Amino acid sequence: MNPFSMIPELLTAMPLTLAIMFVAMIVGFCLALIASTLRVRRVPVISQLADLYVSYARSVPVALQLFVAFYGLPVLVGLFGIEDFLSSTIAAMVALSLYHGGYLSEVIRPAYLAVDRGQHDAADSLGYTFRQKLTRVVGPQAVHIALPGYGNAIIYLIHNVALVMYIGAADVMATAHLIMERDYNQYQFETYLVLAVIYSVMCLIAWLIVRSFEVRASRHVAKTAPVRVPVMAAV
């Protein structure tokens, strides 16, 4: 069997795979920002709930999180009298968004805390608002620190998207298994080899994009001098 002959059929499932991945990336990033902010500010009760969420996302295997979302969400919405409208695709998006948000929170929060405390104090002493402090002083430095970890989080997310086949989502991996079953499992090695190339290309593209942002962030931080508090001259 020519391995290249199965590529067009595998690519038909690529839009669904990319849709799950991009939704998880965007929603997960928003969840990570919210969780990181709550954990840094230490809001009573709410911060503890954010800690619990991050612990769940990082401690529970991703495959198990997918099963929890797939079987648990219908029960949850049923408590509010809502009819079951959830599909395996939606469950996959929810589970991977929660996973990615919790994992990414442990990238963003340490990056924010890694910025020298003097930078925070200097921005506060100059009368910067919290938004100005983030955009002009702390943010650029935290982004520079967080980007390598963010790149790893994206690659881990791409890897874990392959697990959605276990709850019935028709992604690239599920399509590959259908191809193998149709051919009586005669070409398993060739199929898995093509899959390895596809996922390697996806990870390479993600790494190159994040790497370009790392280079730009390095240049920006190098041009931006640390904020210093003006010292009053002795009279």
Protein backbone atom coordinates (compact mmCIF):
# COMPACT_ATOMS: atom_id res chain seq x y z
CA MET A 1 0.00 0.00 0.00
CA ASN A 2 1.23 3.45 -0.87
CA PRO A 3 1.26 5.49 2.38
CA PHE A 4 0.55 8.67 0.44
CA SER A 5 -2.77 7.30 -0.81
CA MET A 6 -4.33 7.56 2.65
CA ILE A 7 -3.28 11.19 3.24
CA PRO A 8 -6.28 12.79 1.41
CA GLU A 9 -8.70 10.75 3.50
CA LEU A 10 -6.89 11.62 6.71
CA LEU A 11 -6.92 15.29 5.79
CA THR A 12 -10.71 15.24 5.56
CA ALA A 13 -10.74 14.91 9.36
CA MET A 14 -8.17 17.66 9.83
CA PRO A 15 -10.74 20.53 10.10
CA LEU A 16 -12.37 18.87 13.11
CA THR A 17 -9.00 18.21 14.72
CA LEU A 18 -7.94 21.82 14.21
CA ALA A 19 -11.30 23.12 15.44
CA ILE A 20 -10.98 21.19 18.71
CA MET A 21 -7.40 22.35 19.10
CA PHE A 22 -8.06 26.05 18.42
CA VAL A 23 -11.13 26.17 20.66
CA ALA A 24 -9.14 24.57 23.47
CA MET A 25 -6.28 27.01 22.87
CA ILE A 26 -8.48 30.12 23.00
CA VAL A 27 -10.83 29.09 25.80
CA GLY A 28 -7.99 27.53 27.76
CA PHE A 29 -5.93 30.72 27.50
CA CYS A 30 -8.84 32.78 28.84
CA LEU A 31 -9.34 30.32 31.71
CA ALA A 32 -5.61 30.43 32.47
CA LEU A 33 -5.65 34.24 32.67
CA ILE A 34 -8.64 34.19 35.02
CA ALA A 35 -7.22 31.43 37.21
CA SER A 36 -3.77 33.05 37.33
CA THR A 37 -5.24 36.43 38.29
CA LEU A 38 -7.34 34.91 41.07
CA ARG A 39 -4.39 32.91 42.38
CA VAL A 40 -2.06 35.92 42.36
CA ARG A 41 -4.58 38.25 44.01
CA ARG A 42 -5.51 35.59 46.61
CA VAL A 43 -9.23 36.37 46.73
CA PRO A 44 -10.70 34.44 49.68
CA VAL A 45 -12.55 31.23 48.74
CA ILE A 46 -12.44 32.03 45.01
CA SER A 47 -8.66 31.65 44.92
CA GLN A 48 -8.94 28.29 46.67
CA LEU A 49 -11.45 27.19 44.06
CA ALA A 50 -9.01 28.28 41.34
CA ASP A 51 -6.28 26.24 43.05
CA LEU A 52 -8.60 23.24 43.09
CA TYR A 53 -9.36 23.64 39.38
CA VAL A 54 -5.68 23.85 38.46
CA SER A 55 -4.92 20.82 40.62
CA TYR A 56 -7.65 18.83 38.86
CA ALA A 57 -6.48 19.85 35.38
CA ARG A 58 -2.85 18.97 36.12
CA SER A 59 -3.37 15.83 38.23
CA VAL A 60 -6.08 13.89 36.39
CA PRO A 61 -5.00 12.09 33.17
CA VAL A 62 -6.33 13.80 30.06
CA ALA A 63 -8.08 10.66 28.85
CA LEU A 64 -9.98 10.50 32.14
CA GLN A 65 -10.88 14.19 31.86
CA LEU A 66 -12.37 13.46 28.44
CA PHE A 67 -14.51 10.66 29.89
CA VAL A 68 -15.61 12.88 32.80
CA ALA A 69 -16.71 15.58 30.36
CA PHE A 70 -18.38 13.14 27.98
CA TYR A 71 -20.40 11.31 30.64
CA GLY A 72 -20.63 14.05 33.27
CA LEU A 73 -21.78 17.07 31.28
CA PRO A 74 -25.12 15.49 30.22
CA VAL A 75 -25.82 14.74 33.89
CA LEU A 76 -24.88 18.30 34.88
CA VAL A 77 -27.07 20.03 32.30
CA GLY A 78 -29.86 17.57 33.07
CA LEU A 79 -30.05 18.94 36.61
CA PHE A 80 -31.23 22.24 35.11
CA GLY A 81 -33.87 20.58 32.97
CA ILE A 82 -31.87 21.04 29.78
CA GLU A 83 -32.14 18.28 27.24
CA ASP A 84 -28.99 16.45 26.25
CA PHE A 85 -27.47 18.39 23.38
CA LEU A 86 -23.85 17.52 23.96
CA SER A 87 -21.85 15.69 21.32
CA SER A 88 -18.46 14.05 21.59
CA THR A 89 -16.93 17.05 19.83
CA ILE A 90 -18.32 19.52 22.36
CA ALA A 91 -17.25 17.28 25.24
CA ALA A 92 -13.74 17.11 23.76
CA MET A 93 -13.59 20.90 23.46
CA VAL A 94 -14.76 21.37 27.05
CA ALA A 95 -12.37 18.79 28.51
CA LEU A 96 -9.32 19.99 26.58
CA SER A 97 -10.12 23.64 27.32
CA LEU A 98 -10.22 22.89 31.04
CA TYR A 99 -7.02 20.86 30.82
CA HIS A 100 -5.17 23.48 28.80
CA GLY A 101 -6.35 26.32 31.03
CA GLY A 102 -5.19 24.60 34.19
CA TYR A 103 -1.84 23.61 32.71
CA LEU A 104 -1.26 27.05 31.22
CA SER A 105 -2.08 28.74 34.52
CA GLU A 106 1.05 27.14 35.92
CA VAL A 107 2.99 28.83 33.13
CA ILE A 108 1.48 32.31 33.39
CA ARG A 109 1.42 32.67 37.18
CA PRO A 110 5.10 31.79 37.76
CA ALA A 111 6.09 34.07 34.87
CA TYR A 112 4.22 36.98 36.47
CA LEU A 113 5.75 36.26 39.87
CA ALA A 114 9.22 35.90 38.34
CA VAL A 115 9.31 39.58 37.39
CA ASP A 116 11.42 41.39 39.95
CA ARG A 117 9.33 42.82 42.78
CA GLY A 118 11.13 46.12 42.36
CA GLN A 119 9.50 46.49 38.95
CA HIS A 120 6.04 46.23 40.54
CA ASP A 121 6.95 48.71 43.27
CA ALA A 122 8.49 51.14 40.80
CA ALA A 123 5.40 51.12 38.59
CA ASP A 124 3.16 51.62 41.65
CA SER A 125 5.29 54.53 42.88
CA LEU A 126 4.98 56.23 39.50
CA GLY A 127 1.20 56.11 39.75
CA TYR A 128 0.61 53.47 37.06
CA THR A 129 -2.78 51.79 37.08
CA PHE A 130 -2.86 48.00 37.17
CA ARG A 131 -3.53 47.95 33.42
CA GLN A 132 -0.66 50.34 32.69
CA LYS A 133 1.65 48.30 34.90
CA LEU A 134 0.78 45.14 33.02
CA THR A 135 1.06 46.60 29.52
CA ARG A 136 4.13 48.81 30.03
CA VAL A 137 6.26 47.18 32.71
CA VAL A 138 5.37 43.73 34.04
CA GLY A 139 3.55 42.31 31.02
CA PRO A 140 6.38 42.42 28.45
CA GLN A 141 8.82 40.88 30.92
CA ALA A 142 6.34 38.18 31.99
CA VAL A 143 5.54 37.32 28.37
CA HIS A 144 9.24 36.87 27.64
CA ILE A 145 9.53 34.48 30.57
CA ALA A 146 6.31 32.56 29.81
CA LEU A 147 6.73 31.97 26.07
CA PRO A 148 8.93 28.82 26.26
CA GLY A 149 6.48 27.20 28.67
CA TYR A 150 3.56 28.33 26.55
CA GLY A 151 5.12 26.64 23.52
CA ASN A 152 5.40 23.40 25.47
CA ALA A 153 1.76 23.71 26.56
CA ILE A 154 0.63 24.07 22.93
CA ILE A 155 2.62 21.00 21.89
CA TYR A 156 1.17 18.96 24.76
CA LEU A 157 -2.29 20.09 23.68
CA ILE A 158 -1.65 18.91 20.11
CA HIS A 159 -0.57 15.54 21.47
CA ASN A 160 -3.65 15.21 23.66
CA VAL A 161 -6.06 16.07 20.86
CA ALA A 162 -5.28 12.58 19.54
CA LEU A 163 -7.09 11.15 22.59
CA VAL A 164 -10.52 12.51 21.61
CA MET A 165 -11.11 9.40 19.50
CA TYR A 166 -11.78 7.52 22.76
CA ILE A 167 -15.05 9.42 23.25
CA GLY A 168 -16.09 9.06 19.62
CA ALA A 169 -14.88 12.30 18.04
CA ALA A 170 -14.06 11.72 14.36
CA ASP A 171 -10.62 13.34 14.36
CA VAL A 172 -7.53 12.34 12.39
CA MET A 173 -6.64 9.52 14.76
CA ALA A 174 -10.15 8.06 14.64
CA THR A 175 -10.16 8.28 10.85
CA ALA A 176 -6.83 6.44 10.73
CA HIS A 177 -8.28 3.60 12.79
CA LEU A 178 -11.26 3.37 10.44
CA ILE A 179 -8.85 3.11 7.50
CA MET A 180 -6.93 0.32 9.21
CA GLU A 181 -10.11 -1.60 10.05
CA ARG A 182 -11.34 -1.25 6.49
CA ASP A 183 -8.07 -2.75 5.25
CA TYR A 184 -8.20 -5.56 7.84
CA ASN A 185 -5.29 -4.04 9.81
CA GLN A 186 -2.81 -4.92 7.11
CA TYR A 187 -1.12 -1.53 6.99
CA GLN A 188 -0.84 -0.49 10.61
CA PHE A 189 2.80 0.53 10.42
CA GLU A 190 2.27 2.69 7.32
CA THR A 191 -0.80 4.36 8.83
CA TYR A 192 0.86 5.17 12.12
CA LEU A 193 3.93 6.44 10.27
CA VAL A 194 1.78 8.88 8.29
CA LEU A 195 0.08 9.97 11.52
CA ALA A 196 3.46 10.56 13.11
CA VAL A 197 4.45 12.81 10.22
CA ILE A 198 1.16 14.76 10.42
CA TYR A 199 1.46 15.41 14.16
CA SER A 200 5.17 16.23 13.81
CA VAL A 201 4.37 18.85 11.19
CA MET A 202 1.66 20.36 13.41
CA CYS A 203 4.06 20.55 16.36
CA LEU A 204 6.80 22.00 14.17
CA ILE A 205 4.51 24.76 12.90
CA ALA A 206 3.42 25.58 16.46
CA TRP A 207 7.04 25.66 17.64
CA LEU A 208 8.10 27.97 14.80
CA ILE A 209 5.26 30.40 15.56
CA VAL A 210 6.04 30.50 19.27
CA ARG A 211 9.74 30.79 18.52
CA SER A 212 9.12 33.84 16.33
CA PHE A 213 7.25 35.46 19.22
CA GLU A 214 10.13 34.62 21.55
CA VAL A 215 12.57 36.44 19.27
CA ARG A 216 10.30 39.48 19.05
CA ALA A 217 9.74 39.49 22.82
CA SER A 218 13.49 39.33 23.42
CA ARG A 219 14.03 42.36 21.22
CA HIS A 220 11.22 44.26 22.90
CA VAL A 221 12.54 43.53 26.40
CA ALA A 222 16.05 44.50 25.33
CA LYS A 223 14.80 47.87 24.06
CA THR A 224 12.69 48.52 27.14
CA ALA A 225 14.80 49.64 30.06
CA PRO A 226 13.63 48.56 33.51
CA VAL A 227 11.46 51.10 35.26
CA ARG A 228 13.35 52.94 37.96
CA VAL A 229 11.97 55.17 40.67
CA PRO A 230 13.27 58.77 40.37
CA VAL A 231 15.62 59.60 43.21
CA MET A 232 15.26 63.07 44.72
CA ALA A 233 18.50 64.99 44.62
CA ALA A 234 19.86 65.93 47.98
CA VAL A 235 19.40 69.64 48.81
